[in-house]
Structures are given as C-alpha cells and as structure tokens.
Amino acid sequence: MADKLIIKRQEYYAHFYRGNELLIVFKERVFAASTDKTTWSDAIEYGKQLKIRDKQLDFVPNRFENEDY
C-alpha cells in the first residue's frame, strides 16, 4: 500500500511596524494597532479563532530596534 501525504492547512499572519504603528495582516483581515500590547486583543482573538497558537500571537519583534540581524 502506498503511503499518502497528508497536508494540513495552517493559518498564518504577517506583521509590519513603523515607529509605534503596528499592522497585523491575516489572509482575510487586517488589524491596525500599536506597539502597546493592550491594542492587540482583537487581532489575538481573531488569530485564536483561526487556531493559531497563543505563543505565536505575540507580534514580536514589534519595533525595529528589537529586530535581530
């Protein structure tokens, strides 16, 4: 019997920042927030609905100064 490849669709997002502005982009929705974590709640809740793990919904780095090279 041949092995079958099972591909599981996973949701994703990208985030972009400039100064204190933070833009969180999901496949079908975009959230405008700031680097203040208290502004992330709507985006986090939406990500949870998509089954994205909590630890992946931290939007870090959220400032250019915190970027690793």
Protein backbone atom coordinates (compact mmCIF):
# COMPACT_ATOMS: atom_id res chain seq x y z
CA MET A 1 0.00 0.00 0.00
CA ALA A 2 1.42 3.40 -0.97
CA ASP A 3 1.96 6.00 1.72
CA LYS A 4 -0.28 9.04 1.46
CA LEU A 5 0.95 12.53 2.06
CA ILE A 6 -1.41 14.48 4.27
CA ILE A 7 -1.11 18.23 4.07
CA LYS A 8 -2.72 20.17 6.86
CA ARG A 9 -3.69 23.74 6.03
CA GLN A 10 -2.34 26.14 8.59
CA GLU A 11 -3.30 29.76 9.04
CA TYR A 12 -0.71 32.48 9.15
CA TYR A 13 -0.20 36.21 9.54
CA ALA A 14 2.44 38.82 8.98
CA HIS A 15 3.06 41.96 10.95
CA PHE A 16 4.70 45.21 9.97
CA TYR A 17 5.75 48.06 12.16
CA ARG A 18 6.90 51.65 11.83
CA GLY A 19 7.63 53.62 14.95
CA ASN A 20 4.72 52.86 17.29
CA GLU A 21 2.39 51.75 14.48
CA LEU A 22 1.74 48.03 14.05
CA LEU A 23 -0.16 46.46 11.17
CA ILE A 24 -1.22 42.81 11.59
CA VAL A 25 -2.21 41.11 8.33
CA PHE A 26 -4.11 37.82 8.21
CA LYS A 27 -5.23 36.18 4.97
CA GLU A 28 -8.71 37.72 5.12
CA ARG A 29 -8.41 40.51 7.69
CA VAL A 30 -6.09 43.36 8.68
CA PHE A 31 -5.74 44.98 12.11
CA ALA A 32 -4.19 48.35 12.91
CA ALA A 33 -2.65 48.50 16.37
CA SER A 34 0.34 49.97 18.15
CA THR A 35 3.36 48.57 19.93
CA ASP A 36 1.31 48.78 23.14
CA LYS A 37 0.20 45.19 23.80
CA THR A 38 -3.18 46.38 25.09
CA THR A 39 -4.11 47.23 21.48
CA TRP A 40 -3.54 43.67 20.24
CA SER A 41 -6.62 41.98 21.75
CA ASP A 42 -8.83 41.99 18.62
CA ALA A 43 -6.05 40.57 16.46
CA ILE A 44 -5.19 37.94 19.09
CA GLU A 45 -8.82 36.84 19.39
CA TYR A 46 -9.11 36.60 15.61
CA GLY A 47 -5.92 34.54 15.44
CA LYS A 48 -7.25 32.18 18.11
CA GLN A 49 -10.40 31.67 16.02
CA LEU A 50 -8.08 30.56 13.20
CA LYS A 51 -6.44 28.05 15.59
CA ILE A 52 -3.11 29.90 15.70
CA ARG A 53 -1.27 29.07 18.91
CA ASP A 54 -1.20 31.71 21.66
CA LYS A 55 2.60 31.76 21.76
CA GLN A 56 2.65 32.64 18.05
CA LEU A 57 0.32 35.62 18.51
CA ASP A 58 2.81 37.89 20.25
CA PHE A 59 3.72 40.10 17.23
CA VAL A 60 7.34 40.31 18.31
CA PRO A 61 9.53 41.98 17.35
CA ASN A 62 7.16 44.89 17.26
CA ARG A 63 9.78 47.60 16.95
CA PHE A 64 12.63 48.00 14.53
CA GLU A 65 15.05 48.47 17.43
CA ASN A 66 14.19 44.96 18.70
CA GLU A 67 14.87 43.22 15.37
CA ASP A 68 17.59 40.57 15.38
CA TYR A 69 20.01 40.51 12.45
